[in-house]
Protein backbone atom coordinates (compact mmCIF):
# COMPACT_ATOMS: atom_id res chain seq x y z
CA MET A 1 2.62 28.73 -8.87
CA GLY A 2 3.10 25.17 -7.62
CA THR A 3 0.79 23.39 -5.22
CA GLU A 4 -0.19 26.27 -2.94
CA ALA A 5 -3.89 26.56 -2.21
CA PRO A 6 -5.71 29.88 -2.48
CA VAL A 7 -5.89 31.76 0.83
CA GLY A 8 -8.48 30.23 3.10
CA ARG A 9 -8.66 26.94 1.19
CA ARG A 10 -6.81 23.74 1.99
CA LEU A 11 -5.52 21.34 -0.60
CA PRO A 12 -7.10 17.90 -0.32
CA GLU A 13 -4.85 15.58 1.62
CA GLU A 14 -3.36 12.51 -0.02
CA PRO A 15 -3.75 9.08 1.50
CA ALA A 16 -1.08 8.36 4.08
CA THR A 17 0.91 5.16 4.26
CA VAL A 18 3.01 3.62 6.97
CA VAL A 19 5.10 0.51 6.49
CA PHE A 20 5.97 -1.78 9.37
CA THR A 21 8.74 -4.34 9.15
CA PHE A 22 8.61 -7.15 11.71
CA ARG A 23 11.35 -9.65 12.40
CA VAL A 24 9.77 -12.60 14.15
CA ALA A 25 11.61 -14.76 16.66
CA ARG A 26 12.28 -18.21 15.17
CA GLY A 27 9.61 -20.73 16.02
CA ARG A 28 7.09 -18.01 16.94
CA GLU A 29 5.71 -17.45 13.44
CA GLU A 30 2.32 -19.01 14.18
CA GLU A 31 1.84 -16.83 17.26
CA PHE A 32 2.86 -13.80 15.22
CA GLU A 33 0.35 -14.68 12.48
CA ASP A 34 -2.43 -14.76 15.12
CA TRP A 35 -1.26 -11.39 16.48
CA LEU A 36 -1.04 -9.98 12.94
CA HIS A 37 -4.59 -11.07 12.15
CA GLY A 38 -5.84 -9.37 15.33
CA ILE A 39 -4.08 -6.04 14.84
CA THR A 40 -5.06 -5.98 11.16
CA GLN A 41 -8.73 -6.40 12.12
CA ALA A 42 -8.39 -3.65 14.74
CA ASN A 43 -6.85 -1.35 12.14
CA VAL A 44 -9.61 -1.96 9.57
CA ARG A 45 -12.25 -0.82 12.09
CA ARG A 46 -10.58 2.60 12.49
CA PRO A 47 -12.11 5.66 10.79
CA GLY A 48 -10.26 6.45 7.57
CA SER A 49 -8.63 3.03 7.26
CA LEU A 50 -8.04 2.02 3.65
CA GLY A 51 -6.82 -1.42 4.64
CA SER A 52 -3.43 -3.04 4.66
CA THR A 53 -1.23 -5.29 2.57
CA ILE A 54 0.88 -8.00 4.17
CA LEU A 55 4.06 -9.21 2.49
CA ARG A 56 5.11 -12.43 4.18
CA PRO A 57 8.72 -13.61 4.12
CA ALA A 58 9.83 -15.99 1.39
CA GLY A 59 11.41 -18.31 3.95
CA PRO A 60 12.19 -18.79 7.64
CA GLY A 61 13.86 -15.84 9.34
CA GLY A 62 12.68 -13.32 6.74
CA ALA A 63 10.89 -10.09 7.50
CA TYR A 64 7.18 -9.43 7.38
CA HIS A 65 6.26 -6.13 5.75
CA ILE A 66 2.86 -4.62 6.50
CA VAL A 67 1.72 -1.61 4.45
CA VAL A 68 -1.07 0.26 6.27
CA ARG A 69 -3.04 2.94 4.44
CA PHE A 70 -5.32 5.67 5.79
CA SER A 71 -7.34 8.35 4.01
CA ASP A 72 -5.19 11.13 5.50
CA THR A 73 -2.28 11.77 7.87
CA GLN A 74 -4.53 12.90 10.72
CA ARG A 75 -6.42 9.60 10.82
CA LEU A 76 -3.19 7.64 10.44
CA ALA A 77 -1.68 9.58 13.36
CA SER A 78 -4.81 8.85 15.41
CA TRP A 79 -4.27 5.10 14.87
CA LEU A 80 -0.51 5.26 15.49
CA GLU A 81 -1.00 7.16 18.76
CA SER A 82 -4.03 5.18 19.97
CA ASP A 83 -4.12 3.24 23.21
CA GLU A 84 -5.50 0.26 21.28
CA ARG A 85 -2.44 0.10 19.01
CA ALA A 86 -0.11 0.57 22.00
CA ALA A 87 -1.75 -2.45 23.65
CA TRP A 88 -1.24 -4.53 20.49
CA LEU A 89 2.43 -3.53 20.38
CA ARG A 90 2.87 -4.57 24.03
CA ASP A 91 1.39 -7.96 23.08
CA VAL A 92 4.03 -8.50 20.37
CA GLU A 93 7.01 -7.74 22.65
CA GLY A 94 9.30 -10.76 22.82
CA LEU A 95 7.58 -12.21 19.78
CA ALA A 96 8.93 -9.81 17.15
CA THR A 97 10.84 -6.57 16.73
CA HIS A 98 9.62 -3.87 14.40
CA GLU A 99 10.64 -0.84 12.39
CA ILE A 100 8.39 1.81 10.87
CA GLU A 101 8.59 3.87 7.67
CA HIS A 102 6.10 6.61 6.71
CA GLY A 103 5.11 7.59 3.20
CA THR A 104 2.42 9.23 1.11
CA GLY A 105 1.35 8.81 -2.46
CA LEU A 106 2.55 5.99 -4.70
CA GLU A 107 6.16 5.43 -3.61
CA THR A 108 5.19 2.29 -1.72
CA TRP A 109 4.40 0.63 -5.03
CA PHE A 110 8.10 -0.02 -5.51
CA SER A 111 9.87 0.60 -2.22
CA LEU A 112 10.80 -2.44 -0.19
CA PRO A 113 9.64 -1.38 3.27
CA GLY A 114 11.87 -1.15 6.29
CA THR A 115 15.11 -1.82 4.46
CA ALA A 116 17.89 0.11 2.82
CA VAL A 117 17.31 -1.81 -0.40
CA LYS A 118 17.32 0.41 -3.46
CA PRO A 119 14.14 0.49 -5.51
CA PRO A 120 14.14 -1.62 -8.67
CA PRO A 121 15.53 -0.11 -11.87
CA ARG A 122 13.14 2.27 -13.60
CA TRP A 123 12.72 -0.10 -16.53
CA LYS A 124 11.42 -2.81 -14.17
CA MET A 125 9.02 -0.33 -12.58
CA THR A 126 7.86 0.67 -16.06
CA VAL A 127 7.32 -2.95 -17.14
CA THR A 128 5.44 -3.75 -13.91
CA THR A 129 3.24 -0.69 -14.28
CA PHE A 130 2.53 -1.60 -17.92
CA VAL A 131 1.59 -5.14 -16.87
CA ALA A 132 -0.98 -3.61 -14.51
CA VAL A 133 -2.27 -0.76 -16.67
CA TYR A 134 -2.62 -2.44 -20.07
CA PRO A 135 -5.04 -5.25 -19.09
CA LEU A 136 -7.05 -2.82 -16.96
CA SER A 137 -7.25 -0.33 -19.86
CA LEU A 138 -8.22 -3.12 -22.23
CA LEU A 139 -10.92 -4.32 -19.84
CA LEU A 140 -12.34 -0.81 -19.42
CA THR A 141 -12.24 -0.21 -23.17
CA TRP A 142 -14.07 -3.48 -23.81
CA LEU A 143 -16.64 -3.29 -20.99
CA VAL A 144 -17.25 0.41 -20.43
CA VAL A 145 -16.42 2.47 -23.52
CA PRO A 146 -19.19 1.00 -25.72
CA HIS A 147 -21.74 2.20 -23.14
CA ILE A 148 -20.44 5.77 -22.90
CA GLN A 149 -19.91 6.70 -26.55
CA ASP A 150 -22.67 9.32 -26.35
CA TRP A 151 -20.94 11.12 -23.48
CA SER A 152 -18.93 14.26 -24.23
CA THR A 153 -15.22 13.78 -24.87
CA PRO A 154 -14.09 15.53 -21.63
CA VAL A 155 -16.37 13.33 -19.52
CA ARG A 156 -15.29 10.14 -21.33
CA ALA A 157 -11.64 11.16 -20.92
CA LEU A 158 -12.22 11.65 -17.20
CA LEU A 159 -13.31 8.04 -16.73
CA PHE A 160 -9.83 6.48 -17.00
CA PRO A 161 -8.00 8.80 -14.58
CA VAL A 162 -10.85 8.46 -12.08
CA LEU A 163 -10.89 4.64 -12.21
CA LEU A 164 -7.26 3.63 -12.87
CA PRO A 165 -5.34 5.15 -9.93
CA PRO A 166 -7.49 3.67 -7.14
CA VAL A 167 -7.58 0.22 -8.76
CA LEU A 168 -3.82 0.32 -9.33
CA THR A 169 -2.98 1.66 -5.86
CA TYR A 170 -5.22 -0.57 -3.78
CA ALA A 171 -5.45 -3.76 -5.83
CA LEU A 172 -3.20 -4.38 -8.80
CA MET A 173 0.16 -2.89 -7.77
CA PRO A 174 0.26 -4.53 -4.31
CA LEU A 175 -0.65 -7.84 -5.95
CA LEU A 176 1.94 -7.49 -8.73
CA SER A 177 4.61 -6.34 -6.26
CA ARG A 178 4.06 -9.57 -4.32
CA TRP A 179 4.00 -11.79 -7.41
CA LEU A 180 7.05 -10.14 -8.99
CA ARG A 181 9.00 -9.58 -5.80
CA ARG A 182 11.89 -11.91 -6.71
CA TRP A 183 12.25 -10.27 -10.12
CA LEU A 184 11.94 -6.71 -8.76
CA TYR A 185 14.29 -7.34 -5.81
CA PRO A 186 16.55 -10.28 -6.77
CA SER A 187 18.95 -9.64 -3.88
CA GLN A 188 16.08 -9.97 -1.36
CA GLY A 189 15.00 -13.41 -2.73
């Protein structure tokens, strides 16, 4: 019982996430932005990269949070241990300090990376998730469902769980987390 795979078979691996928090030396933000653009482009070229999300500070002296996603932990580890990444980190020395936090799955939707800040209350997470899911469900119902009415019920029912999680994980939730950051984390302003 549980999530054990049958003997000889491996469970598919979930995407892996790492969150970097950078504190940039005052007056060096522009240099850091150039560095950030460069390392982000290097990361995107790596096998298994699913991209990254950058949360910029609300004001001077705030922390940058960069959420980097890979298709699996092995490819993430390959990037983290690469000589290319090590060279980029040497380039940022004196410009910024950084912390790292690993994760898998969906917890990065609501965790504020690199800090001891508690996640938002469950009701705020529920409201935020609803704000993402409802319009997407409405859009799919309006645009897609009329074209698949002849499909069998199990196949039609499969459409939403196949489409919603990736769109939520890689597009809507990162966007909403940025837009609603002050409401979700009022003490982090």
